[in-house]
N, C-alpha and C. Protein backbone atom coordinates (compact mmCIF):
# COMPACT_ATOMS: atom_id res chain seq x y z
N MET A 1 -85.18 -22.93 129.84
CA MET A 1 -83.57 -23.03 130.33
C MET A 1 -83.23 -21.16 129.55
N ILE A 2 -82.50 -20.58 130.48
CA ILE A 2 -81.92 -19.18 130.28
C ILE A 2 -80.43 -19.67 129.89
N ARG A 3 -80.14 -18.80 129.19
CA ARG A 3 -78.67 -18.89 128.64
C ARG A 3 -77.80 -17.40 128.67
N LEU A 4 -77.02 -16.87 129.21
CA LEU A 4 -76.21 -15.99 129.01
C LEU A 4 -74.72 -16.09 128.29
N ASP A 5 -74.48 -15.72 126.89
CA ASP A 5 -73.95 -15.58 126.43
C ASP A 5 -72.29 -14.48 126.18
N GLN A 6 -71.23 -14.29 126.75
CA GLN A 6 -70.63 -13.19 126.69
C GLN A 6 -71.10 -12.11 126.77
N ILE A 7 -72.18 -11.67 127.83
CA ILE A 7 -72.52 -10.53 128.63
C ILE A 7 -71.72 -10.10 129.39
N SER A 8 -71.86 -8.50 129.33
CA SER A 8 -71.12 -7.77 130.19
C SER A 8 -71.89 -6.25 129.82
N HIS A 9 -71.76 -6.02 131.28
CA HIS A 9 -72.50 -4.54 131.98
C HIS A 9 -71.57 -3.60 132.61
N SER A 10 -71.59 -2.22 132.23
CA SER A 10 -71.49 -1.66 132.74
C SER A 10 -72.20 -0.49 133.56
N TYR A 11 -71.68 0.44 134.36
CA TYR A 11 -71.99 1.54 134.82
C TYR A 11 -71.12 2.88 134.56
N GLY A 12 -71.66 3.59 133.71
CA GLY A 12 -70.52 4.75 133.35
C GLY A 12 -68.97 4.31 133.13
N GLU A 13 -68.12 4.33 133.18
CA GLU A 13 -66.90 3.68 132.63
C GLU A 13 -66.54 2.15 133.61
N GLU A 14 -67.09 2.25 134.93
CA GLU A 14 -66.92 0.74 135.41
C GLU A 14 -67.70 -0.29 135.09
N ARG A 15 -66.91 -1.45 134.48
CA ARG A 15 -67.66 -2.30 133.97
C ARG A 15 -67.83 -3.21 135.20
N VAL A 16 -68.99 -4.00 135.56
CA VAL A 16 -69.26 -4.83 136.57
C VAL A 16 -69.33 -6.09 136.43
N VAL A 17 -69.76 -6.57 135.10
CA VAL A 17 -70.16 -7.59 134.91
C VAL A 17 -69.16 -7.50 133.31
N ASP A 18 -68.22 -8.75 133.32
CA ASP A 18 -67.26 -8.95 131.90
C ASP A 18 -67.20 -9.59 131.04
N ASP A 19 -68.01 -10.24 130.54
CA ASP A 19 -67.89 -11.06 129.39
C ASP A 19 -68.66 -12.98 130.13
N VAL A 20 -69.43 -13.15 130.44
CA VAL A 20 -69.98 -13.76 131.26
C VAL A 20 -70.84 -14.77 130.37
N SER A 21 -70.59 -15.73 130.66
CA SER A 21 -71.44 -17.16 130.47
C SER A 21 -72.00 -18.04 130.96
N LEU A 22 -73.25 -18.24 131.09
CA LEU A 22 -73.74 -19.34 131.94
C LEU A 22 -75.11 -19.62 131.40
N SER A 23 -75.39 -21.07 131.21
CA SER A 23 -76.60 -21.68 131.42
C SER A 23 -77.62 -22.19 132.54
N VAL A 24 -78.81 -22.03 132.60
CA VAL A 24 -79.36 -22.43 133.40
C VAL A 24 -80.97 -23.35 133.06
N ASP A 25 -80.59 -24.58 133.09
CA ASP A 25 -81.67 -25.45 132.49
C ASP A 25 -82.89 -25.57 133.51
N GLN A 26 -84.32 -25.59 132.77
CA GLN A 26 -85.27 -25.40 134.00
C GLN A 26 -84.87 -26.24 134.62
N GLY A 27 -85.69 -26.40 136.35
CA GLY A 27 -85.27 -26.99 137.66
C GLY A 27 -83.95 -26.95 138.41
N GLU A 28 -82.79 -26.61 137.23
CA GLU A 28 -81.88 -26.84 137.96
C GLU A 28 -81.68 -25.33 139.12
N VAL A 29 -80.70 -25.17 139.65
CA VAL A 29 -80.54 -24.55 141.01
C VAL A 29 -79.11 -23.94 140.61
N VAL A 30 -78.79 -22.78 140.70
CA VAL A 30 -77.42 -22.29 140.43
C VAL A 30 -77.18 -21.37 142.17
N GLY A 31 -76.04 -21.29 142.49
CA GLY A 31 -75.50 -20.46 143.29
C GLY A 31 -74.15 -19.15 142.35
N ILE A 32 -74.75 -17.98 142.83
CA ILE A 32 -73.97 -16.96 142.08
C ILE A 32 -73.32 -15.93 143.38
N ILE A 33 -71.98 -16.54 143.82
CA ILE A 33 -71.14 -16.06 145.41
C ILE A 33 -70.24 -15.33 144.67
N GLY A 34 -69.67 -14.64 145.65
CA GLY A 34 -68.73 -13.19 145.12
C GLY A 34 -69.08 -11.83 146.41
N PRO A 35 -67.22 -11.47 146.75
CA PRO A 35 -67.78 -10.37 147.73
C PRO A 35 -68.56 -9.27 146.66
N SER A 36 -68.61 -8.09 147.71
CA SER A 36 -69.93 -6.88 147.70
C SER A 36 -69.00 -6.16 146.54
N GLY A 37 -69.82 -5.95 145.08
CA GLY A 37 -69.64 -4.77 144.48
C GLY A 37 -68.82 -5.98 142.91
N VAL A 38 -69.42 -6.89 143.15
CA VAL A 38 -68.03 -7.58 142.02
C VAL A 38 -69.13 -7.99 141.09
N GLY A 39 -70.64 -7.27 141.08
CA GLY A 39 -71.53 -7.50 140.08
C GLY A 39 -72.25 -8.88 139.88
N LYS A 40 -72.99 -9.54 141.12
CA LYS A 40 -74.00 -10.63 141.83
C LYS A 40 -75.09 -10.02 140.97
N THR A 41 -75.35 -8.82 141.55
CA THR A 41 -77.02 -8.52 141.10
C THR A 41 -77.22 -8.19 139.83
N THR A 42 -76.22 -7.21 139.87
CA THR A 42 -76.59 -6.85 138.24
C THR A 42 -76.71 -8.11 137.32
N LEU A 43 -75.79 -9.07 137.43
CA LEU A 43 -76.00 -10.34 136.21
C LEU A 43 -77.51 -10.81 136.80
N LEU A 44 -78.07 -10.72 137.98
CA LEU A 44 -79.51 -11.58 138.37
C LEU A 44 -80.33 -10.40 137.76
N ARG A 45 -80.15 -9.50 137.33
CA ARG A 45 -81.21 -8.30 136.58
C ARG A 45 -81.15 -8.66 135.72
N ILE A 46 -80.18 -8.97 134.64
CA ILE A 46 -80.04 -9.34 133.91
C ILE A 46 -80.74 -10.42 133.36
N LEU A 47 -80.53 -11.23 134.20
CA LEU A 47 -81.22 -12.61 134.02
C LEU A 47 -82.42 -12.33 134.39
N ALA A 48 -83.19 -11.98 134.73
CA ALA A 48 -84.31 -11.67 135.13
C ALA A 48 -84.95 -10.65 134.22
N LEU A 49 -84.15 -10.26 133.47
CA LEU A 49 -84.39 -9.03 131.93
C LEU A 49 -85.22 -7.43 132.68
N PHE A 50 -84.29 -7.35 133.79
CA PHE A 50 -85.16 -6.16 134.48
C PHE A 50 -83.30 -4.62 134.31
N LEU A 51 -82.53 -5.44 133.59
CA LEU A 51 -81.75 -4.22 132.82
C LEU A 51 -81.04 -5.22 131.56
N GLU A 52 -80.50 -4.34 130.53
CA GLU A 52 -80.32 -5.00 129.26
C GLU A 52 -78.42 -5.07 129.60
N PRO A 53 -78.22 -5.70 128.71
CA PRO A 53 -77.01 -6.25 128.49
C PRO A 53 -76.20 -5.00 128.11
N ASP A 54 -74.79 -4.40 128.06
CA ASP A 54 -74.04 -3.35 127.14
C ASP A 54 -74.21 -3.92 126.17
N GLY A 55 -74.43 -3.04 124.45
CA GLY A 55 -74.17 -3.04 123.17
C GLY A 55 -76.07 -3.28 123.08
N HIS A 56 -76.99 -3.34 124.12
CA HIS A 56 -78.30 -3.58 123.65
C HIS A 56 -78.92 -2.71 123.73
N GLU A 57 -78.78 -1.65 124.78
CA GLU A 57 -79.49 -0.37 125.42
C GLU A 57 -79.57 0.04 123.91
N ALA A 58 -81.13 1.45 123.48
CA ALA A 58 -80.60 2.19 122.89
C ALA A 58 -79.86 2.97 122.82
N GLU A 59 -79.77 3.64 123.96
CA GLU A 59 -78.82 4.90 123.73
C GLU A 59 -76.97 4.03 123.48
N SER A 60 -76.67 2.76 123.76
CA SER A 60 -75.17 2.37 123.55
C SER A 60 -74.41 2.80 122.82
N THR A 61 -73.70 3.19 123.49
CA THR A 61 -72.43 4.25 122.32
C THR A 61 -71.55 2.91 121.52
N THR A 62 -71.52 1.83 122.32
CA THR A 62 -70.59 0.47 121.24
C THR A 62 -71.05 0.40 119.86
N GLY A 63 -72.00 0.20 119.66
CA GLY A 63 -72.17 -0.07 118.54
C GLY A 63 -72.55 -1.42 118.02
N THR A 64 -72.38 -2.39 119.27
CA THR A 64 -71.88 -3.45 118.69
C THR A 64 -72.71 -4.39 119.73
N ASP A 65 -73.56 -5.23 119.70
CA ASP A 65 -74.37 -6.58 120.66
C ASP A 65 -73.05 -7.37 121.14
N GLU A 66 -73.14 -6.88 122.49
CA GLU A 66 -71.63 -7.49 123.10
C GLU A 66 -72.06 -8.85 124.21
N GLY A 67 -73.14 -9.17 123.36
CA GLY A 67 -73.78 -10.55 123.99
C GLY A 67 -74.99 -10.96 123.67
N THR A 68 -75.49 -11.93 124.33
CA THR A 68 -76.62 -12.62 124.05
C THR A 68 -77.36 -13.02 125.24
N VAL A 69 -78.82 -12.86 125.66
CA VAL A 69 -79.70 -13.34 126.92
C VAL A 69 -80.68 -13.92 125.62
N GLU A 70 -81.52 -15.52 125.92
CA GLU A 70 -81.77 -16.14 125.71
C GLU A 70 -82.67 -17.39 126.62
N LEU A 71 -83.90 -16.87 126.29
CA LEU A 71 -84.94 -17.64 127.44
C LEU A 71 -85.46 -18.71 126.48
N ASP A 72 -85.38 -20.02 126.24
CA ASP A 72 -86.02 -21.08 125.70
C ASP A 72 -85.59 -20.37 124.70
N GLY A 73 -83.98 -20.56 124.28
CA GLY A 73 -84.07 -20.52 123.18
C GLY A 73 -84.13 -19.27 121.84
N GLU A 74 -84.58 -17.97 122.73
CA GLU A 74 -85.05 -16.47 121.94
C GLU A 74 -84.32 -15.63 122.17
N ALA A 75 -83.57 -15.05 121.69
CA ALA A 75 -82.57 -13.80 122.12
C ALA A 75 -83.77 -13.06 122.76
N VAL A 76 -83.93 -12.83 123.60
CA VAL A 76 -84.90 -11.94 124.30
C VAL A 76 -84.99 -9.92 124.14
N TRP A 77 -83.81 -9.57 123.88
CA TRP A 77 -83.64 -8.24 123.62
C TRP A 77 -83.50 -8.24 122.34
N GLU A 78 -84.07 -9.08 121.60
CA GLU A 78 -84.17 -8.90 120.01
C GLU A 78 -85.72 -8.23 119.48
N LEU A 79 -86.47 -9.06 121.04
CA LEU A 79 -87.94 -9.10 121.05
C LEU A 79 -88.67 -7.87 120.93
N GLY A 80 -89.60 -7.36 120.23
CA GLY A 80 -90.27 -5.94 120.97
C GLY A 80 -90.81 -5.98 122.25
N GLU A 81 -91.10 -5.21 122.87
CA GLU A 81 -90.87 -4.40 124.05
C GLU A 81 -92.06 -5.73 124.79
N ASP A 82 -92.97 -5.74 123.88
CA ASP A 82 -94.53 -6.13 124.63
C ASP A 82 -94.22 -8.10 124.99
N ALA A 83 -93.38 -8.74 123.99
CA ALA A 83 -93.36 -9.83 124.22
C ALA A 83 -92.20 -9.98 124.56
N ARG A 84 -91.03 -9.27 125.21
CA ARG A 84 -90.39 -9.02 126.26
C ARG A 84 -90.95 -9.56 127.82
N LEU A 85 -91.94 -8.27 127.79
CA LEU A 85 -92.34 -8.18 129.15
C LEU A 85 -93.06 -9.62 129.58
N ALA A 86 -93.73 -10.28 127.92
CA ALA A 86 -94.74 -11.54 128.32
C ALA A 86 -93.62 -12.59 128.99
N ARG A 87 -92.17 -12.40 128.39
CA ARG A 87 -90.86 -13.63 128.91
C ARG A 87 -90.94 -13.31 130.52
N ARG A 88 -90.66 -12.15 130.65
CA ARG A 88 -90.35 -10.95 132.00
C ARG A 88 -91.02 -11.73 133.25
N ARG A 89 -92.30 -12.08 132.85
CA ARG A 89 -93.45 -12.16 133.46
C ARG A 89 -93.37 -13.70 134.18
N ARG A 90 -92.55 -14.56 133.61
CA ARG A 90 -92.68 -15.68 134.01
C ARG A 90 -90.68 -16.11 134.77
N ILE A 91 -90.96 -14.92 135.18
CA ILE A 91 -89.52 -14.70 136.19
C ILE A 91 -89.49 -14.19 137.45
N GLY A 92 -89.12 -14.57 138.00
CA GLY A 92 -89.47 -14.38 139.98
C GLY A 92 -88.12 -14.20 140.08
N MET A 93 -88.45 -13.43 141.16
CA MET A 93 -87.04 -12.30 141.81
C MET A 93 -87.24 -12.71 143.34
N VAL A 94 -86.36 -12.48 143.97
CA VAL A 94 -86.44 -12.23 145.13
C VAL A 94 -85.27 -11.77 145.54
N PHE A 95 -84.69 -10.36 146.70
CA PHE A 95 -84.01 -9.93 146.85
C PHE A 95 -83.57 -9.73 148.46
N GLN A 96 -82.43 -10.35 149.10
CA GLN A 96 -82.44 -10.25 150.37
C GLN A 96 -82.65 -9.08 151.09
N GLU A 97 -82.67 -7.66 150.35
CA GLU A 97 -82.84 -5.91 150.66
C GLU A 97 -84.62 -6.09 150.30
N ALA A 98 -84.47 -5.03 151.77
CA ALA A 98 -86.36 -4.77 152.07
C ALA A 98 -86.74 -4.53 150.53
N SER A 99 -86.55 -3.98 149.66
CA SER A 99 -87.09 -3.05 148.34
C SER A 99 -86.59 -3.71 147.14
N LEU A 100 -87.22 -4.04 146.21
CA LEU A 100 -86.76 -4.39 144.65
C LEU A 100 -86.27 -3.06 144.25
N PHE A 101 -86.83 -2.12 143.82
CA PHE A 101 -86.63 -1.39 143.64
C PHE A 101 -86.47 0.61 144.41
N ASP A 102 -85.43 0.96 144.19
CA ASP A 102 -85.56 2.02 145.54
C ASP A 102 -86.51 3.10 145.24
N ALA A 103 -87.64 2.33 146.12
CA ALA A 103 -88.76 3.27 146.34
C ALA A 103 -89.81 2.80 147.42
N THR A 104 -90.65 3.05 147.75
CA THR A 104 -92.03 2.66 148.70
C THR A 104 -92.10 1.47 148.77
N VAL A 105 -92.71 0.74 149.57
CA VAL A 105 -92.85 -0.50 149.99
C VAL A 105 -94.30 -0.76 148.67
N GLU A 106 -94.98 0.33 148.97
CA GLU A 106 -96.30 0.38 147.94
C GLU A 106 -95.75 0.20 146.63
N ARG A 107 -95.12 1.10 146.24
CA ARG A 107 -94.79 1.08 144.40
C ARG A 107 -93.58 -0.50 144.32
N ASN A 108 -92.81 -0.75 145.01
CA ASN A 108 -92.62 -1.68 144.53
C ASN A 108 -93.53 -3.23 144.81
N VAL A 109 -94.72 -3.65 145.60
CA VAL A 109 -95.78 -4.30 145.17
C VAL A 109 -96.12 -3.96 144.32
N GLU A 110 -96.75 -2.75 143.98
CA GLU A 110 -97.68 -2.10 142.96
C GLU A 110 -96.97 -2.73 141.78
N TYR A 111 -95.42 -2.46 141.31
CA TYR A 111 -95.20 -2.90 140.15
C TYR A 111 -95.66 -4.67 139.60
N GLY A 112 -94.96 -5.27 140.80
CA GLY A 112 -95.40 -6.66 140.49
C GLY A 112 -96.94 -6.77 140.17
N LEU A 113 -97.82 -6.11 140.59
CA LEU A 113 -98.94 -6.43 140.14
C LEU A 113 -99.34 -6.00 138.94
N ARG A 114 -98.72 -5.01 138.46
CA ARG A 114 -99.36 -4.75 137.16
C ARG A 114 -98.43 -5.12 136.29
N VAL A 115 -96.87 -5.90 136.09
CA VAL A 115 -96.44 -6.46 135.65
C VAL A 115 -97.46 -7.69 135.21
N ARG A 116 -98.10 -8.58 136.47
CA ARG A 116 -98.75 -9.77 136.57
C ARG A 116 -100.54 -9.09 135.49
N GLN A 117 -100.31 -8.15 135.30
CA GLN A 117 -101.91 -7.16 134.90
C GLN A 117 -102.81 -7.87 135.96
N ASP A 118 -102.69 -7.93 137.38
CA ASP A 118 -103.28 -8.02 138.38
C ASP A 118 -104.06 -6.87 139.15
N TRP A 119 -103.42 -5.44 138.50
CA TRP A 119 -104.10 -4.22 139.16
C TRP A 119 -105.30 -3.60 139.09
N ASN A 120 -105.93 -3.21 139.74
CA ASN A 120 -107.16 -2.89 139.78
C ASN A 120 -107.28 -2.00 141.21
N ASP A 121 -108.48 -0.95 140.95
CA ASP A 121 -108.64 -0.08 142.59
C ASP A 121 -108.93 -0.71 143.61
N ARG A 122 -109.27 -1.40 143.20
CA ARG A 122 -109.46 -2.71 144.68
C ARG A 122 -107.93 -3.17 145.47
N LEU A 123 -107.27 -3.52 144.26
CA LEU A 123 -106.09 -4.22 145.12
C LEU A 123 -105.34 -2.82 145.70
N ARG A 124 -105.47 -1.83 144.95
CA ARG A 124 -104.91 -0.42 145.23
C ARG A 124 -105.58 -0.50 146.74
N ASP A 125 -106.85 0.01 146.84
CA ASP A 125 -107.25 0.51 148.12
C ASP A 125 -106.54 -0.77 149.29
N GLN A 126 -106.54 -1.75 148.92
CA GLN A 126 -106.04 -3.31 150.01
C GLN A 126 -104.33 -2.65 150.34
N LEU A 127 -104.03 -2.43 149.40
CA LEU A 127 -102.08 -2.78 149.55
C LEU A 127 -101.90 -1.24 150.79
N ARG A 128 -102.97 0.21 150.42
CA ARG A 128 -102.72 1.39 150.49
C ARG A 128 -102.97 1.06 152.36
N GLY A 129 -104.10 -0.23 153.05
CA GLY A 129 -104.44 -0.33 154.17
C GLY A 129 -103.62 -1.34 154.14
N LEU A 130 -102.55 -1.85 153.62
CA LEU A 130 -101.31 -2.95 154.26
C LEU A 130 -100.34 -2.34 154.75
N VAL A 131 -100.01 -1.15 153.95
CA VAL A 131 -98.80 -0.58 153.65
C VAL A 131 -98.97 0.08 155.17
N GLY A 132 -99.59 0.45 156.13
CA GLY A 132 -99.79 1.80 157.16
C GLY A 132 -100.07 0.24 158.54
N SER A 133 -100.40 -0.53 157.93
CA SER A 133 -100.84 -1.78 158.84
C SER A 133 -99.32 -2.03 159.98
N THR A 134 -99.35 -2.46 160.87
CA THR A 134 -98.45 -2.31 162.24
C THR A 134 -97.27 -3.34 161.81
N GLY A 135 -97.28 -4.20 160.70
CA GLY A 135 -95.74 -4.81 160.82
C GLY A 135 -95.75 -5.47 161.02
N THR A 136 -96.71 -6.50 162.05
CA THR A 136 -96.69 -7.93 162.41
C THR A 136 -96.77 -8.78 161.86
N PRO A 137 -96.23 -9.73 162.05
CA PRO A 137 -96.19 -10.85 160.82
C PRO A 137 -97.09 -11.42 160.41
N GLU A 138 -98.28 -11.52 161.14
CA GLU A 138 -100.15 -11.45 160.99
C GLU A 138 -100.60 -10.79 159.46
N ALA A 139 -99.88 -9.26 159.71
CA ALA A 139 -100.19 -8.50 158.70
C ALA A 139 -99.14 -8.54 158.32
N VAL A 140 -98.02 -9.07 157.69
CA VAL A 140 -97.38 -9.36 156.43
C VAL A 140 -98.21 -10.87 155.71
N GLU A 141 -98.05 -11.95 156.42
CA GLU A 141 -98.49 -12.70 156.36
C GLU A 141 -100.11 -12.73 155.59
N ASP A 142 -100.76 -11.50 155.91
CA ASP A 142 -102.04 -11.30 155.48
C ASP A 142 -101.83 -10.35 154.23
N ALA A 143 -101.15 -9.74 154.01
CA ALA A 143 -100.70 -8.93 152.75
C ALA A 143 -99.88 -9.86 151.78
N LEU A 144 -99.70 -11.12 152.34
CA LEU A 144 -99.01 -12.07 150.98
C LEU A 144 -100.17 -13.05 150.50
N ASP A 145 -101.70 -12.78 151.07
CA ASP A 145 -102.29 -13.31 150.72
C ASP A 145 -103.45 -12.63 149.10
N ILE A 146 -102.79 -11.09 149.56
CA ILE A 146 -103.73 -10.62 148.07
C ILE A 146 -103.15 -11.18 147.03
N VAL A 147 -101.71 -11.30 147.33
CA VAL A 147 -100.80 -11.38 145.94
C VAL A 147 -101.31 -12.73 145.32
């Protein structure tokens, strides 16, 4: 189960997630809907442990913990970086946009392989060959086979 309790997140002075609480049990399907710019993607990034909620960042200026993110009853932002990364590996997320990060296709795929610790020279060479492919459905299907 993943649980958010009173989570907030701001970009500069603009608060885009404000005091959100949510519990999702294993196997449960939840939809997060709303107009553009209201914090849906930010909330998903917090759920996937890609983004820390306000009050948990090392450079936080609030001085207080403004909420809790728990995965199977464990407060993940209180864990060390290695332990948190191990929890993050259990979470998958697919965006509707072309890339997960504002980076090249190669860097986005490389990130996933590195997180899973499946990265090696052979995969890097395969990936570089695929990134230069024609972009046909067959090439995409073949690319998925290496991951």
